[in-house]
């Protein structure tokens, strides 16, 4: 085995491990943590704005990013309707719809995996050009826009839920 093959295997194992741990978190009841929701609600739109500023010179890429973001926001609205919210003496909890989060994560991993596969055949300057093309690819940008739009809008929805439910006394709360 060559050194590049070993590196690719190590990266693949790391991605599989992170995907597994992320999916375990997406499935089941989760404690609502305000700092995490605020972080996602602020950082992810900033990341989207950064991506948009980079793609200003490529109208197709910008259109793909915007379309993905709109699709992600729509998925978040739908996902929030499918989410089960709870307020108990232990705190605030929510159970998200696992299919949406897992589907988006798998879509991104499949895209990145495909690019690693295509890059494994290239070397030198060809690899550098292909990596730059990956970041400007409309398909990549629509996937990133969808994911970032979904997780940002979902976090904003969770913040809105927390603000609404925090005002209701626990005795009057009916899940």
C-alpha atoms as a PDB file:
ATOM      1  CA  UNK A   1       0.000   0.000   0.000  1.00  0.00           C
ATOM      2  CA  UNK A   2       1.183   3.467  -0.816  1.00  0.00           C
ATOM      3  CA  UNK A   3       1.275   6.309   1.649  1.00  0.00           C
ATOM      4  CA  UNK A   4      -1.601   8.136  -0.088  1.00  0.00           C
ATOM      5  CA  UNK A   5      -3.771   5.011   0.123  1.00  0.00           C
ATOM      6  CA  UNK A   6      -3.094   4.732   3.855  1.00  0.00           C
ATOM      7  CA  UNK A   7      -3.970   8.399   4.321  1.00  0.00           C
ATOM      8  CA  UNK A   8      -7.219   7.914   2.387  1.00  0.00           C
ATOM      9  CA  UNK A   9      -8.119   4.904   4.550  1.00  0.00           C
ATOM     10  CA  UNK A  10      -7.362   6.864   7.735  1.00  0.00           C
ATOM     11  CA  UNK A  11      -9.503   9.790   6.568  1.00  0.00           C
ATOM     12  CA  UNK A  12     -12.321   7.415   5.596  1.00  0.00           C
ATOM     13  CA  UNK A  13     -12.225   5.765   9.036  1.00  0.00           C
ATOM     14  CA  UNK A  14     -12.279   9.170  10.728  1.00  0.00           C
ATOM     15  CA  UNK A  15     -15.268  10.256   8.639  1.00  0.00           C
ATOM     16  CA  UNK A  16     -17.134   7.019   9.384  1.00  0.00           C
ATOM     17  CA  UNK A  17     -16.496   7.402  13.113  1.00  0.00           C
ATOM     18  CA  UNK A  18     -17.679  11.046  13.134  1.00  0.00           C
ATOM     19  CA  UNK A  19     -20.718  10.159  11.049  1.00  0.00           C
ATOM     20  CA  UNK A  20     -21.636   7.380  13.451  1.00  0.00           C
ATOM     21  CA  UNK A  21     -21.315   9.627  16.513  1.00  0.00           C
ATOM     22  CA  UNK A  22     -23.296  12.395  14.809  1.00  0.00           C
ATOM     23  CA  UNK A  23     -26.085  10.060  13.779  1.00  0.00           C
ATOM     24  CA  UNK A  24     -26.346   8.688  17.299  1.00  0.00           C
ATOM     25  CA  UNK A  25     -26.877  12.262  18.441  1.00  0.00           C
ATOM     26  CA  UNK A  26     -29.509  12.912  15.761  1.00  0.00           C
ATOM     27  CA  UNK A  27     -31.588   9.953  16.827  1.00  0.00           C
ATOM     28  CA  UNK A  28     -33.501  10.208  20.058  1.00  0.00           C
ATOM     29  CA  UNK A  29     -34.262  12.670  22.790  1.00  0.00           C
ATOM     30  CA  UNK A  30     -31.815  15.537  23.249  1.00  0.00           C
ATOM     31  CA  UNK A  31     -31.399  18.137  25.949  1.00  0.00           C
ATOM     32  CA  UNK A  32     -31.959  21.626  24.600  1.00  0.00           C
ATOM     33  CA  UNK A  33     -28.829  23.684  25.221  1.00  0.00           C
ATOM     34  CA  UNK A  34     -29.210  27.386  24.580  1.00  0.00           C
ATOM     35  CA  UNK A  35     -25.528  27.994  23.890  1.00  0.00           C
ATOM     36  CA  UNK A  36     -25.570  25.341  21.141  1.00  0.00           C
ATOM     37  CA  UNK A  37     -28.698  26.803  19.530  1.00  0.00           C
ATOM     38  CA  UNK A  38     -27.293  30.351  19.679  1.00  0.00           C
ATOM     39  CA  UNK A  39     -23.982  29.193  18.240  1.00  0.00           C
ATOM     40  CA  UNK A  40     -25.701  27.510  15.281  1.00  0.00           C
ATOM     41  CA  UNK A  41     -28.117  30.421  14.779  1.00  0.00           C
ATOM     42  CA  UNK A  42     -25.232  32.917  14.583  1.00  0.00           C
ATOM     43  CA  UNK A  43     -22.265  30.990  13.169  1.00  0.00           C
ATOM     44  CA  UNK A  44     -23.996  29.055  10.356  1.00  0.00           C
ATOM     45  CA  UNK A  45     -25.555  32.140   8.672  1.00  0.00           C
ATOM     46  CA  UNK A  46     -22.142  33.822   8.912  1.00  0.00           C
ATOM     47  CA  UNK A  47     -20.617  30.793   7.219  1.00  0.00           C
ATOM     48  CA  UNK A  48     -23.300  30.996   4.524  1.00  0.00           C
ATOM     49  CA  UNK A  49     -22.496  34.683   4.007  1.00  0.00           C
ATOM     50  CA  UNK A  50     -18.802  33.846   3.696  1.00  0.00           C
ATOM     51  CA  UNK A  51     -19.557  31.160   1.105  1.00  0.00           C
ATOM     52  CA  UNK A  52     -21.813  33.589  -0.763  1.00  0.00           C
ATOM     53  CA  UNK A  53     -19.093  36.238  -0.830  1.00  0.00           C
ATOM     54  CA  UNK A  54     -16.619  33.715  -2.241  1.00  0.00           C
ATOM     55  CA  UNK A  55     -19.056  32.640  -4.973  1.00  0.00           C
ATOM     56  CA  UNK A  56     -20.048  36.160  -6.078  1.00  0.00           C
ATOM     57  CA  UNK A  57     -17.897  35.798  -9.194  1.00  0.00           C
ATOM     58  CA  UNK A  58     -19.635  32.534 -10.148  1.00  0.00           C
ATOM     59  CA  UNK A  59     -23.360  33.177 -10.670  1.00  0.00           C
ATOM     60  CA  UNK A  60     -24.149  29.449 -10.996  1.00  0.00           C
ATOM     61  CA  UNK A  61     -22.462  28.683  -7.700  1.00  0.00           C
ATOM     62  CA  UNK A  62     -24.223  31.548  -5.943  1.00  0.00           C
ATOM     63  CA  UNK A  63     -27.590  30.471  -7.349  1.00  0.00           C
ATOM     64  CA  UNK A  64     -26.929  26.900  -6.185  1.00  0.00           C
ATOM     65  CA  UNK A  65     -25.990  28.117  -2.704  1.00  0.00           C
ATOM     66  CA  UNK A  66     -29.128  30.264  -2.455  1.00  0.00           C
ATOM     67  CA  UNK A  67     -31.341  27.456  -3.766  1.00  0.00           C
ATOM     68  CA  UNK A  68     -29.809  25.018  -1.282  1.00  0.00           C
ATOM     69  CA  UNK A  69     -30.286  27.477   1.569  1.00  0.00           C
ATOM     70  CA  UNK A  70     -33.959  27.968   0.684  1.00  0.00           C
ATOM     71  CA  UNK A  71     -34.441  24.195   0.491  1.00  0.00           C
ATOM     72  CA  UNK A  72     -32.691  23.802   3.856  1.00  0.00           C
ATOM     73  CA  UNK A  73     -34.928  26.386   5.493  1.00  0.00           C
ATOM     74  CA  UNK A  74     -37.982  24.598   4.107  1.00  0.00           C
ATOM     75  CA  UNK A  75     -36.702  21.291   5.457  1.00  0.00           C
ATOM     76  CA  UNK A  76     -36.112  22.916   8.857  1.00  0.00           C
ATOM     77  CA  UNK A  77     -39.685  24.220   9.002  1.00  0.00           C
ATOM     78  CA  UNK A  78     -40.948  20.757   8.135  1.00  0.00           C
ATOM     79  CA  UNK A  79     -38.515  19.149  10.599  1.00  0.00           C
ATOM     80  CA  UNK A  80     -39.647  21.447  13.412  1.00  0.00           C
ATOM     81  CA  UNK A  81     -43.244  20.373  12.799  1.00  0.00           C
ATOM     82  CA  UNK A  82     -42.156  16.740  13.136  1.00  0.00           C
ATOM     83  CA  UNK A  83     -40.085  17.407  16.268  1.00  0.00           C
ATOM     84  CA  UNK A  84     -41.426  16.368  19.669  1.00  0.00           C
ATOM     85  CA  UNK A  85     -40.783  19.040  22.309  1.00  0.00           C
ATOM     86  CA  UNK A  86     -40.773  18.461  26.078  1.00  0.00           C
ATOM     87  CA  UNK A  87     -40.483  20.632  29.136  1.00  0.00           C
ATOM     88  CA  UNK A  88     -40.020  18.806  32.407  1.00  0.00           C
ATOM     89  CA  UNK A  89     -38.587  19.408  35.839  1.00  0.00           C
ATOM     90  CA  UNK A  90     -35.250  18.204  34.445  1.00  0.00           C
ATOM     91  CA  UNK A  91     -35.176  20.842  31.711  1.00  0.00           C
ATOM     92  CA  UNK A  92     -36.045  21.291  28.061  1.00  0.00           C
ATOM     93  CA  UNK A  93     -35.825  18.378  25.637  1.00  0.00           C
ATOM     94  CA  UNK A  94     -36.620  17.762  22.003  1.00  0.00           C
ATOM     95  CA  UNK A  95     -36.676  14.705  19.781  1.00  0.00           C
ATOM     96  CA  UNK A  96     -35.899  15.677  16.173  1.00  0.00           C
ATOM     97  CA  UNK A  97     -37.021  13.778  13.138  1.00  0.00           C
ATOM     98  CA  UNK A  98     -34.044  11.509  12.549  1.00  0.00           C
ATOM     99  CA  UNK A  99     -34.632  10.959   8.826  1.00  0.00           C
ATOM    100  CA  UNK A 100     -33.983  14.565   7.788  1.00  0.00           C
ATOM    101  CA  UNK A 101     -30.749  15.047   9.743  1.00  0.00           C
ATOM    102  CA  UNK A 102     -29.375  11.649   8.779  1.00  0.00           C
ATOM    103  CA  UNK A 103     -30.320  12.151   5.136  1.00  0.00           C
ATOM    104  CA  UNK A 104     -28.555  15.509   4.942  1.00  0.00           C
ATOM    105  CA  UNK A 105     -25.460  14.164   6.690  1.00  0.00           C
ATOM    106  CA  UNK A 106     -25.283  11.167   4.345  1.00  0.00           C
ATOM    107  CA  UNK A 107     -25.709  13.436   1.335  1.00  0.00           C
ATOM    108  CA  UNK A 108     -22.724  15.544   2.366  1.00  0.00           C
ATOM    109  CA  UNK A 109     -20.600  12.495   3.196  1.00  0.00           C
ATOM    110  CA  UNK A 110     -21.477  10.921  -0.155  1.00  0.00           C
ATOM    111  CA  UNK A 111     -20.436  14.099  -1.979  1.00  0.00           C
ATOM    112  CA  UNK A 112     -17.154  14.400  -0.097  1.00  0.00           C
ATOM    113  CA  UNK A 113     -16.513  10.652  -0.515  1.00  0.00           C
ATOM    114  CA  UNK A 114     -17.096  10.917  -4.246  1.00  0.00           C
ATOM    115  CA  UNK A 115     -14.636  13.801  -4.490  1.00  0.00           C
ATOM    116  CA  UNK A 116     -11.999  11.876  -2.497  1.00  0.00           C
ATOM    117  CA  UNK A 117     -12.515   8.949  -4.842  1.00  0.00           C
ATOM    118  CA  UNK A 118     -12.024  11.105  -7.929  1.00  0.00           C
ATOM    119  CA  UNK A 119      -9.016  12.861  -6.361  1.00  0.00           C
ATOM    120  CA  UNK A 120      -7.291   9.580  -5.585  1.00  0.00           C
ATOM    121  CA  UNK A 121      -6.535   9.151  -9.305  1.00  0.00           C
ATOM    122  CA  UNK A 122      -5.013  12.625  -9.670  1.00  0.00           C
ATOM    123  CA  UNK A 123      -1.645  14.008  -8.609  1.00  0.00           C
ATOM    124  CA  UNK A 124       0.285  17.258  -8.595  1.00  0.00           C
ATOM    125  CA  UNK A 125      -1.270  20.336 -10.218  1.00  0.00           C
ATOM    126  CA  UNK A 126      -4.310  18.361 -11.405  1.00  0.00           C
ATOM    127  CA  UNK A 127      -5.229  17.642  -7.778  1.00  0.00           C
ATOM    128  CA  UNK A 128      -4.968  21.318  -6.806  1.00  0.00           C
ATOM    129  CA  UNK A 129      -7.190  22.394  -9.683  1.00  0.00           C
ATOM    130  CA  UNK A 130      -9.713  19.678  -8.858  1.00  0.00           C
ATOM    131  CA  UNK A 131      -9.853  20.741  -5.184  1.00  0.00           C
ATOM    132  CA  UNK A 132     -10.579  24.328  -6.233  1.00  0.00           C
ATOM    133  CA  UNK A 133     -13.287  23.099  -8.598  1.00  0.00           C
ATOM    134  CA  UNK A 134     -14.818  21.077  -5.748  1.00  0.00           C
ATOM    135  CA  UNK A 135     -15.351  24.232  -3.684  1.00  0.00           C
ATOM    136  CA  UNK A 136     -16.926  26.031  -6.640  1.00  0.00           C
ATOM    137  CA  UNK A 137     -19.073  23.146  -7.842  1.00  0.00           C
ATOM    138  CA  UNK A 138     -22.790  24.012  -7.907  1.00  0.00           C
ATOM    139  CA  UNK A 139     -23.624  20.511  -6.658  1.00  0.00           C
ATOM    140  CA  UNK A 140     -21.346  20.927  -3.649  1.00  0.00           C
ATOM    141  CA  UNK A 141     -22.707  24.407  -2.958  1.00  0.00           C
ATOM    142  CA  UNK A 142     -26.339  23.309  -3.131  1.00  0.00           C
ATOM    143  CA  UNK A 143     -25.594  20.512  -0.639  1.00  0.00           C
ATOM    144  CA  UNK A 144     -23.699  22.864   1.694  1.00  0.00           C
ATOM    145  CA  UNK A 145     -26.433  25.493   1.404  1.00  0.00           C
ATOM    146  CA  UNK A 146     -29.093  22.918   2.226  1.00  0.00           C
ATOM    147  CA  UNK A 147     -27.223  21.653   5.281  1.00  0.00           C
ATOM    148  CA  UNK A 148     -26.262  25.075   6.617  1.00  0.00           C
ATOM    149  CA  UNK A 149     -29.722  26.506   5.945  1.00  0.00           C
ATOM    150  CA  UNK A 150     -31.377  23.540   7.637  1.00  0.00           C
ATOM    151  CA  UNK A 151     -29.271  23.544  10.787  1.00  0.00           C
ATOM    152  CA  UNK A 152     -29.369  27.357  11.146  1.00  0.00           C
ATOM    153  CA  UNK A 153     -33.154  27.555  10.683  1.00  0.00           C
ATOM    154  CA  UNK A 154     -33.679  24.551  12.966  1.00  0.00           C
ATOM    155  CA  UNK A 155     -31.601  26.222  15.697  1.00  0.00           C
ATOM    156  CA  UNK A 156     -33.618  29.431  15.308  1.00  0.00           C
ATOM    157  CA  UNK A 157     -36.806  27.371  15.604  1.00  0.00           C
ATOM    158  CA  UNK A 158     -35.512  25.771  18.791  1.00  0.00           C
ATOM    159  CA  UNK A 159     -34.691  29.201  20.224  1.00  0.00           C
ATOM    160  CA  UNK A 160     -38.201  30.409  19.411  1.00  0.00           C
ATOM    161  CA  UNK A 161     -39.671  27.316  21.076  1.00  0.00           C
ATOM    162  CA  UNK A 162     -37.533  27.854  24.190  1.00  0.00           C
ATOM    163  CA  UNK A 163     -38.618  31.501  24.438  1.00  0.00           C
ATOM    164  CA  UNK A 164     -42.292  30.590  24.041  1.00  0.00           C
ATOM    165  CA  UNK A 165     -42.263  27.653  26.467  1.00  0.00           C
ATOM    166  CA  UNK A 166     -40.127  29.373  29.108  1.00  0.00           C
ATOM    167  CA  UNK A 167     -43.005  31.738  29.854  1.00  0.00           C
ATOM    168  CA  UNK A 168     -45.472  28.865  30.477  1.00  0.00           C
ATOM    169  CA  UNK A 169     -45.455  27.463  34.052  1.00  0.00           C
ATOM    170  CA  UNK A 170     -44.615  23.755  34.227  1.00  0.00           C
ATOM    171  CA  UNK A 171     -48.016  22.882  35.799  1.00  0.00           C
ATOM    172  CA  UNK A 172     -49.824  24.351  32.761  1.00  0.00           C
ATOM    173  CA  UNK A 173     -47.604  22.674  30.201  1.00  0.00           C
ATOM    174  CA  UNK A 174     -49.162  19.883  28.147  1.00  0.00           C
ATOM    175  CA  UNK A 175     -46.660  18.170  25.819  1.00  0.00           C
END
